């Protein structure tokens, strides 16, 4: 991606800008809030297919996220093949069984009780798409020389947030899944050692009888998540 011989600062005029009035800004902010309040983490997926180009457009949105030194230290692997999804589920559930049999610790397991999860992860097969998010610890110049990536967890976290928002905006539901450890995904998906798998996102349409835990609708009030200094 980067040429080692041509890394320099070249300023250009700001390409795009939404020049809104104060009232328009507030309306846009509230409109986006209303849309995102309709986002729910869903574990029950229908078998309705989702076109590949929808997933590609959502990943393109993720790719617009800011990143340390603009190195864009992420890679996404989108899986729709049923046999492949079955392999991912089998490997993930093996790790999950260790977790729920005590590996996660009593406190963590207790915290998960209101969510209603266990070591069974049928969504990894039921969802039409799995998107595996990888964080790139380092990259390479066009001549093969390695360079360091910066603020990798922060950058990949922002890009993943963009992706979840894009999936929701496209009318889909998603479930973030983080089996631990996830190193099996490197071998399974033929990803290099420079990349660390950080998340599996199941994406698709909700089942007609999909349920969500009641506790998931409880959000902290603004005064608990915001402090104003003015």
C-alpha atoms as a PDB file:
ATOM      1  CA  UNK A   1       0.000   0.000   0.000  1.00  0.00           C
ATOM      2  CA  UNK A   2       2.708   2.465   0.992  1.00  0.00           C
ATOM      3  CA  UNK A   3       5.777   3.283  -1.086  1.00  0.00           C
ATOM      4  CA  UNK A   4       8.846   3.598   1.095  1.00  0.00           C
ATOM      5  CA  UNK A   5      10.410   6.101  -1.279  1.00  0.00           C
ATOM      6  CA  UNK A   6       7.404   8.421  -1.422  1.00  0.00           C
ATOM      7  CA  UNK A   7       6.100   9.064   2.099  1.00  0.00           C
ATOM      8  CA  UNK A   8       5.575  12.785   2.477  1.00  0.00           C
ATOM      9  CA  UNK A   9       2.976  15.338   3.530  1.00  0.00           C
ATOM     10  CA  UNK A  10       0.960  16.729   0.616  1.00  0.00           C
ATOM     11  CA  UNK A  11      -1.899  19.020   1.700  1.00  0.00           C
ATOM     12  CA  UNK A  12      -5.083  19.239  -0.364  1.00  0.00           C
ATOM     13  CA  UNK A  13      -8.255  21.278   0.117  1.00  0.00           C
ATOM     14  CA  UNK A  14     -10.924  19.655   2.293  1.00  0.00           C
ATOM     15  CA  UNK A  15     -12.803  17.536  -0.297  1.00  0.00           C
ATOM     16  CA  UNK A  16     -16.203  17.319   1.386  1.00  0.00           C
ATOM     17  CA  UNK A  17     -17.975  19.352   4.009  1.00  0.00           C
ATOM     18  CA  UNK A  18     -21.567  19.533   5.211  1.00  0.00           C
ATOM     19  CA  UNK A  19     -22.117  23.220   5.945  1.00  0.00           C
ATOM     20  CA  UNK A  20     -25.187  23.032   8.168  1.00  0.00           C
ATOM     21  CA  UNK A  21     -26.944  25.623  10.249  1.00  0.00           C
ATOM     22  CA  UNK A  22     -27.123  25.140  14.018  1.00  0.00           C
ATOM     23  CA  UNK A  23     -30.707  23.909  13.712  1.00  0.00           C
ATOM     24  CA  UNK A  24     -29.794  21.498  10.926  1.00  0.00           C
ATOM     25  CA  UNK A  25     -26.878  20.128  12.943  1.00  0.00           C
ATOM     26  CA  UNK A  26     -29.117  19.414  15.916  1.00  0.00           C
ATOM     27  CA  UNK A  27     -31.733  17.791  13.696  1.00  0.00           C
ATOM     28  CA  UNK A  28     -29.115  15.564  12.066  1.00  0.00           C
ATOM     29  CA  UNK A  29     -27.610  14.595  15.424  1.00  0.00           C
ATOM     30  CA  UNK A  30     -30.999  13.713  16.888  1.00  0.00           C
ATOM     31  CA  UNK A  31     -32.003  11.850  13.753  1.00  0.00           C
ATOM     32  CA  UNK A  32     -28.879   9.718  13.909  1.00  0.00           C
ATOM     33  CA  UNK A  33     -29.465   9.081  17.615  1.00  0.00           C
ATOM     34  CA  UNK A  34     -33.019   7.933  16.904  1.00  0.00           C
ATOM     35  CA  UNK A  35     -31.744   5.582  14.203  1.00  0.00           C
ATOM     36  CA  UNK A  36     -28.999   4.115  16.382  1.00  0.00           C
ATOM     37  CA  UNK A  37     -31.381   3.640  19.324  1.00  0.00           C
ATOM     38  CA  UNK A  38     -33.095   1.068  17.091  1.00  0.00           C
ATOM     39  CA  UNK A  39     -29.894  -0.990  16.877  1.00  0.00           C
ATOM     40  CA  UNK A  40     -29.992  -4.229  18.846  1.00  0.00           C
ATOM     41  CA  UNK A  41     -27.562  -7.072  19.295  1.00  0.00           C
ATOM     42  CA  UNK A  42     -29.443 -10.109  17.987  1.00  0.00           C
ATOM     43  CA  UNK A  43     -28.612 -13.802  18.355  1.00  0.00           C
ATOM     44  CA  UNK A  44     -31.500 -15.200  16.322  1.00  0.00           C
ATOM     45  CA  UNK A  45     -31.062 -14.918  12.555  1.00  0.00           C
ATOM     46  CA  UNK A  46     -33.372 -15.777   9.673  1.00  0.00           C
ATOM     47  CA  UNK A  47     -32.224 -17.676   6.586  1.00  0.00           C
ATOM     48  CA  UNK A  48     -32.947 -14.671   4.355  1.00  0.00           C
ATOM     49  CA  UNK A  49     -29.824 -14.092   2.251  1.00  0.00           C
ATOM     50  CA  UNK A  50     -27.893 -10.829   2.143  1.00  0.00           C
ATOM     51  CA  UNK A  51     -26.239  -9.786  -1.100  1.00  0.00           C
ATOM     52  CA  UNK A  52     -22.452  -9.665  -1.152  1.00  0.00           C
ATOM     53  CA  UNK A  53     -22.409  -6.092  -2.425  1.00  0.00           C
ATOM     54  CA  UNK A  54     -24.296  -4.950   0.703  1.00  0.00           C
ATOM     55  CA  UNK A  55     -21.573  -6.436   2.897  1.00  0.00           C
ATOM     56  CA  UNK A  56     -18.873  -4.939   0.680  1.00  0.00           C
ATOM     57  CA  UNK A  57     -20.453  -1.477   0.965  1.00  0.00           C
ATOM     58  CA  UNK A  58     -20.559  -1.783   4.764  1.00  0.00           C
ATOM     59  CA  UNK A  59     -16.904  -2.827   4.904  1.00  0.00           C
ATOM     60  CA  UNK A  60     -16.025   0.111   2.652  1.00  0.00           C
ATOM     61  CA  UNK A  61     -17.617   2.327   5.292  1.00  0.00           C
ATOM     62  CA  UNK A  62     -15.436   0.703   7.945  1.00  0.00           C
ATOM     63  CA  UNK A  63     -12.430   1.461   5.770  1.00  0.00           C
ATOM     64  CA  UNK A  64     -13.125   5.200   5.946  1.00  0.00           C
ATOM     65  CA  UNK A  65     -12.442   5.276   9.707  1.00  0.00           C
ATOM     66  CA  UNK A  66      -9.564   7.392  11.084  1.00  0.00           C
ATOM     67  CA  UNK A  67      -6.424   5.520  12.123  1.00  0.00           C
ATOM     68  CA  UNK A  68      -3.016   6.105  13.622  1.00  0.00           C
ATOM     69  CA  UNK A  69      -0.750   7.663  10.953  1.00  0.00           C
ATOM     70  CA  UNK A  70      -3.447   6.661   8.428  1.00  0.00           C
ATOM     71  CA  UNK A  71      -1.994   3.136   8.349  1.00  0.00           C
ATOM     72  CA  UNK A  72      -5.488   1.611   8.396  1.00  0.00           C
ATOM     73  CA  UNK A  73      -4.356  -1.422  10.428  1.00  0.00           C
ATOM     74  CA  UNK A  74      -7.356  -3.650   9.787  1.00  0.00           C
ATOM     75  CA  UNK A  75      -8.453  -6.484   7.578  1.00  0.00           C
ATOM     76  CA  UNK A  76     -11.925  -8.003   7.261  1.00  0.00           C
ATOM     77  CA  UNK A  77     -12.734 -11.535   6.129  1.00  0.00           C
ATOM     78  CA  UNK A  78     -16.390 -12.003   5.124  1.00  0.00           C
ATOM     79  CA  UNK A  79     -17.632 -15.596   5.129  1.00  0.00           C
ATOM     80  CA  UNK A  80     -20.871 -16.857   3.595  1.00  0.00           C
ATOM     81  CA  UNK A  81     -19.891 -20.438   2.715  1.00  0.00           C
ATOM     82  CA  UNK A  82     -21.952 -22.772   4.963  1.00  0.00           C
ATOM     83  CA  UNK A  83     -19.171 -25.327   5.370  1.00  0.00           C
ATOM     84  CA  UNK A  84     -16.733 -22.602   6.358  1.00  0.00           C
ATOM     85  CA  UNK A  85     -19.187 -21.146   8.867  1.00  0.00           C
ATOM     86  CA  UNK A  86     -19.674 -24.605  10.369  1.00  0.00           C
ATOM     87  CA  UNK A  87     -15.913 -24.917  10.898  1.00  0.00           C
ATOM     88  CA  UNK A  88     -15.779 -21.493  12.559  1.00  0.00           C
ATOM     89  CA  UNK A  89     -18.648 -22.443  14.852  1.00  0.00           C
ATOM     90  CA  UNK A  90     -17.058 -25.753  15.855  1.00  0.00           C
ATOM     91  CA  UNK A  91     -13.735 -24.110  16.694  1.00  0.00           C
ATOM     92  CA  UNK A  92     -15.368 -21.193  18.509  1.00  0.00           C
ATOM     93  CA  UNK A  93     -17.599 -23.446  20.594  1.00  0.00           C
ATOM     94  CA  UNK A  94     -14.597 -25.494  21.652  1.00  0.00           C
ATOM     95  CA  UNK A  95     -13.065 -22.343  23.133  1.00  0.00           C
ATOM     96  CA  UNK A  96     -16.412 -21.289  24.596  1.00  0.00           C
ATOM     97  CA  UNK A  97     -16.831 -24.590  26.428  1.00  0.00           C
ATOM     98  CA  UNK A  98     -13.547 -24.006  28.231  1.00  0.00           C
ATOM     99  CA  UNK A  99     -14.723 -20.517  29.133  1.00  0.00           C
ATOM    100  CA  UNK A 100     -18.110 -21.556  30.518  1.00  0.00           C
ATOM    101  CA  UNK A 101     -16.634 -24.543  32.346  1.00  0.00           C
ATOM    102  CA  UNK A 102     -14.685 -22.148  34.541  1.00  0.00           C
ATOM    103  CA  UNK A 103     -12.010 -20.576  32.400  1.00  0.00           C
ATOM    104  CA  UNK A 104     -13.840 -17.249  32.394  1.00  0.00           C
ATOM    105  CA  UNK A 105     -13.934 -16.966  36.172  1.00  0.00           C
ATOM    106  CA  UNK A 106     -16.971 -16.713  38.442  1.00  0.00           C
ATOM    107  CA  UNK A 107     -17.305 -12.925  38.259  1.00  0.00           C
ATOM    108  CA  UNK A 108     -17.345 -12.808  34.466  1.00  0.00           C
ATOM    109  CA  UNK A 109     -19.777 -15.709  34.188  1.00  0.00           C
ATOM    110  CA  UNK A 110     -22.081 -14.050  36.727  1.00  0.00           C
ATOM    111  CA  UNK A 111     -22.014 -10.825  34.725  1.00  0.00           C
ATOM    112  CA  UNK A 112     -23.162 -12.724  31.633  1.00  0.00           C
ATOM    113  CA  UNK A 113     -26.189 -14.315  33.298  1.00  0.00           C
ATOM    114  CA  UNK A 114     -28.641 -11.469  32.430  1.00  0.00           C
ATOM    115  CA  UNK A 115     -27.548 -11.749  28.789  1.00  0.00           C
ATOM    116  CA  UNK A 116     -28.563 -15.403  28.628  1.00  0.00           C
ATOM    117  CA  UNK A 117     -25.533 -16.744  26.785  1.00  0.00           C
ATOM    118  CA  UNK A 118     -23.880 -20.153  26.966  1.00  0.00           C
ATOM    119  CA  UNK A 119     -21.314 -22.140  24.986  1.00  0.00           C
ATOM    120  CA  UNK A 120     -23.711 -22.846  22.108  1.00  0.00           C
ATOM    121  CA  UNK A 121     -23.275 -20.396  19.228  1.00  0.00           C
ATOM    122  CA  UNK A 122     -25.762 -21.367  16.489  1.00  0.00           C
ATOM    123  CA  UNK A 123     -25.684 -17.820  15.113  1.00  0.00           C
ATOM    124  CA  UNK A 124     -22.239 -18.588  13.692  1.00  0.00           C
ATOM    125  CA  UNK A 125     -23.977 -20.901  11.226  1.00  0.00           C
ATOM    126  CA  UNK A 126     -27.415 -19.311  11.007  1.00  0.00           C
ATOM    127  CA  UNK A 127     -26.309 -15.784  10.065  1.00  0.00           C
ATOM    128  CA  UNK A 128     -25.795 -15.439   6.300  1.00  0.00           C
ATOM    129  CA  UNK A 129     -22.486 -13.659   6.866  1.00  0.00           C
ATOM    130  CA  UNK A 130     -19.678 -13.785   9.377  1.00  0.00           C
ATOM    131  CA  UNK A 131     -17.224 -10.903   9.250  1.00  0.00           C
ATOM    132  CA  UNK A 132     -13.954 -11.596  11.037  1.00  0.00           C
ATOM    133  CA  UNK A 133     -12.084  -8.458  12.095  1.00  0.00           C
ATOM    134  CA  UNK A 134      -8.292  -8.636  12.154  1.00  0.00           C
ATOM    135  CA  UNK A 135      -5.928  -6.060  13.643  1.00  0.00           C
ATOM    136  CA  UNK A 136      -2.640  -5.646  11.795  1.00  0.00           C
ATOM    137  CA  UNK A 137       0.259  -5.292  14.214  1.00  0.00           C
ATOM    138  CA  UNK A 138       2.575  -4.222  11.414  1.00  0.00           C
ATOM    139  CA  UNK A 139       2.443  -3.605   7.693  1.00  0.00           C
ATOM    140  CA  UNK A 140       4.845  -3.750   4.766  1.00  0.00           C
ATOM    141  CA  UNK A 141       6.017  -1.219   2.209  1.00  0.00           C
ATOM    142  CA  UNK A 142       5.760  -2.045  -1.476  1.00  0.00           C
ATOM    143  CA  UNK A 143       9.340  -3.336  -1.324  1.00  0.00           C
ATOM    144  CA  UNK A 144       8.471  -5.795   1.467  1.00  0.00           C
ATOM    145  CA  UNK A 145      10.097  -3.814   4.290  1.00  0.00           C
ATOM    146  CA  UNK A 146       8.136  -3.985   7.530  1.00  0.00           C
ATOM    147  CA  UNK A 147       6.781  -0.854   9.227  1.00  0.00           C
ATOM    148  CA  UNK A 148       5.085  -0.436  12.590  1.00  0.00           C
ATOM    149  CA  UNK A 149       1.397   0.403  12.936  1.00  0.00           C
ATOM    150  CA  UNK A 150       0.286   2.838  15.624  1.00  0.00           C
ATOM    151  CA  UNK A 151      -2.752   2.954  17.918  1.00  0.00           C
ATOM    152  CA  UNK A 152      -3.878  -0.360  16.478  1.00  0.00           C
ATOM    153  CA  UNK A 153      -6.563  -1.306  19.068  1.00  0.00           C
ATOM    154  CA  UNK A 154      -8.026   2.192  18.988  1.00  0.00           C
ATOM    155  CA  UNK A 155      -8.035   2.362  15.190  1.00  0.00           C
ATOM    156  CA  UNK A 156      -9.570  -1.079  14.721  1.00  0.00           C
ATOM    157  CA  UNK A 157     -12.165  -0.339  17.404  1.00  0.00           C
ATOM    158  CA  UNK A 158     -13.267   2.802  15.569  1.00  0.00           C
ATOM    159  CA  UNK A 159     -13.451   0.961  12.234  1.00  0.00           C
ATOM    160  CA  UNK A 160     -15.502  -1.808  13.835  1.00  0.00           C
ATOM    161  CA  UNK A 161     -17.902   0.791  15.209  1.00  0.00           C
ATOM    162  CA  UNK A 162     -18.268   2.243  11.718  1.00  0.00           C
ATOM    163  CA  UNK A 163     -18.983  -1.263  10.398  1.00  0.00           C
ATOM    164  CA  UNK A 164     -21.676  -1.979  12.999  1.00  0.00           C
ATOM    165  CA  UNK A 165     -23.335   1.372  12.281  1.00  0.00           C
ATOM    166  CA  UNK A 166     -23.231   0.667   8.533  1.00  0.00           C
ATOM    167  CA  UNK A 167     -24.785  -2.781   8.961  1.00  0.00           C
ATOM    168  CA  UNK A 168     -27.561  -1.277  11.058  1.00  0.00           C
ATOM    169  CA  UNK A 169     -28.093   1.540   8.570  1.00  0.00           C
ATOM    170  CA  UNK A 170     -28.468  -1.111   5.837  1.00  0.00           C
ATOM    171  CA  UNK A 171     -31.322  -2.709   7.767  1.00  0.00           C
ATOM    172  CA  UNK A 172     -29.332  -5.636   9.142  1.00  0.00           C
ATOM    173  CA  UNK A 173     -28.731  -6.871  12.663  1.00  0.00           C
ATOM    174  CA  UNK A 174     -25.408  -7.998  14.048  1.00  0.00           C
ATOM    175  CA  UNK A 175     -23.840  -9.874  16.930  1.00  0.00           C
ATOM    176  CA  UNK A 176     -20.265  -9.302  18.071  1.00  0.00           C
ATOM    177  CA  UNK A 177     -18.567 -12.501  19.197  1.00  0.00           C
ATOM    178  CA  UNK A 178     -15.143 -12.778  20.803  1.00  0.00           C
ATOM    179  CA  UNK A 179     -14.079 -16.358  21.553  1.00  0.00           C
ATOM    180  CA  UNK A 180     -10.841 -16.395  23.503  1.00  0.00           C
ATOM    181  CA  UNK A 181      -8.308 -17.307  22.266  1.00  0.00           C
ATOM    182  CA  UNK A 182      -9.033 -16.737  18.569  1.00  0.00           C
ATOM    183  CA  UNK A 183      -5.715 -17.715  17.029  1.00  0.00           C
ATOM    184  CA  UNK A 184      -7.454 -20.585  15.225  1.00  0.00           C
ATOM    185  CA  UNK A 185      -8.895 -18.005  12.839  1.00  0.00           C
ATOM    186  CA  UNK A 186      -5.463 -17.117  11.422  1.00  0.00           C
ATOM    187  CA  UNK A 187      -4.854 -20.674  10.267  1.00  0.00           C
ATOM    188  CA  UNK A 188      -8.419 -21.291   9.193  1.00  0.00           C
ATOM    189  CA  UNK A 189      -8.608 -18.090   7.126  1.00  0.00           C
ATOM    190  CA  UNK A 190      -4.984 -18.102   5.957  1.00  0.00           C
ATOM    191  CA  UNK A 191      -4.122 -14.768   7.545  1.00  0.00           C
ATOM    192  CA  UNK A 192      -0.499 -13.806   8.320  1.00  0.00           C
ATOM    193  CA  UNK A 193       1.124 -13.693  11.747  1.00  0.00           C
ATOM    194  CA  UNK A 194       1.121  -9.888  11.599  1.00  0.00           C
ATOM    195  CA  UNK A 195      -2.640  -9.948  12.096  1.00  0.00           C
ATOM    196  CA  UNK A 196      -4.543 -10.658  15.303  1.00  0.00           C
ATOM    197  CA  UNK A 197      -8.211 -11.695  15.139  1.00  0.00           C
ATOM    198  CA  UNK A 198     -10.219  -9.511  17.500  1.00  0.00           C
ATOM    199  CA  UNK A 199     -13.872 -10.191  16.702  1.00  0.00           C
ATOM    200  CA  UNK A 200     -16.375 -12.207  14.711  1.00  0.00           C
ATOM    201  CA  UNK A 201     -19.440 -10.236  13.629  1.00  0.00           C
ATOM    202  CA  UNK A 202     -22.487 -12.287  12.628  1.00  0.00           C
ATOM    203  CA  UNK A 203     -24.653 -10.228  10.294  1.00  0.00           C
ATOM    204  CA  UNK A 204     -28.002 -10.738   8.623  1.00  0.00           C
ATOM    205  CA  UNK A 205     -31.734 -10.342   9.105  1.00  0.00           C
ATOM    206  CA  UNK A 206     -33.373 -11.147  12.438  1.00  0.00           C
ATOM    207  CA  UNK A 207     -35.516 -14.247  12.811  1.00  0.00           C
ATOM    208  CA  UNK A 208     -39.252 -13.601  13.010  1.00  0.00           C
ATOM    209  CA  UNK A 209     -39.221 -14.696  16.653  1.00  0.00           C
ATOM    210  CA  UNK A 210     -35.922 -13.041  17.581  1.00  0.00           C
ATOM    211  CA  UNK A 211     -35.547 -12.058  21.215  1.00  0.00           C
ATOM    212  CA  UNK A 212     -33.189  -9.685  23.016  1.00  0.00           C
ATOM    213  CA  UNK A 213     -32.411  -9.635  26.747  1.00  0.00           C
ATOM    214  CA  UNK A 214     -34.380  -6.996  28.622  1.00  0.00           C
ATOM    215  CA  UNK A 215     -31.203  -5.770  30.287  1.00  0.00           C
ATOM    216  CA  UNK A 216     -29.862  -4.767  26.874  1.00  0.00           C
ATOM    217  CA  UNK A 217     -32.423  -1.953  26.731  1.00  0.00           C
ATOM    218  CA  UNK A 218     -31.052  -0.388  29.896  1.00  0.00           C
ATOM    219  CA  UNK A 219     -28.593   2.331  28.884  1.00  0.00           C
ATOM    220  CA  UNK A 220     -26.718   4.687  31.173  1.00  0.00           C
ATOM    221  CA  UNK A 221     -28.233   8.193  31.316  1.00  0.00           C
ATOM    222  CA  UNK A 222     -26.354  11.087  29.778  1.00  0.00           C
ATOM    223  CA  UNK A 223     -25.103  12.439  33.108  1.00  0.00           C
ATOM    224  CA  UNK A 224     -23.284   9.134  33.715  1.00  0.00           C
ATOM    225  CA  UNK A 225     -21.498   9.067  30.360  1.00  0.00           C
ATOM    226  CA  UNK A 226     -20.813  12.766  29.763  1.00  0.00           C
ATOM    227  CA  UNK A 227     -19.020  15.513  31.661  1.00  0.00           C
ATOM    228  CA  UNK A 228     -19.071  19.013  30.204  1.00  0.00           C
ATOM    229  CA  UNK A 229     -16.168  21.368  30.874  1.00  0.00           C
ATOM    230  CA  UNK A 230     -17.047  24.899  29.725  1.00  0.00           C
END
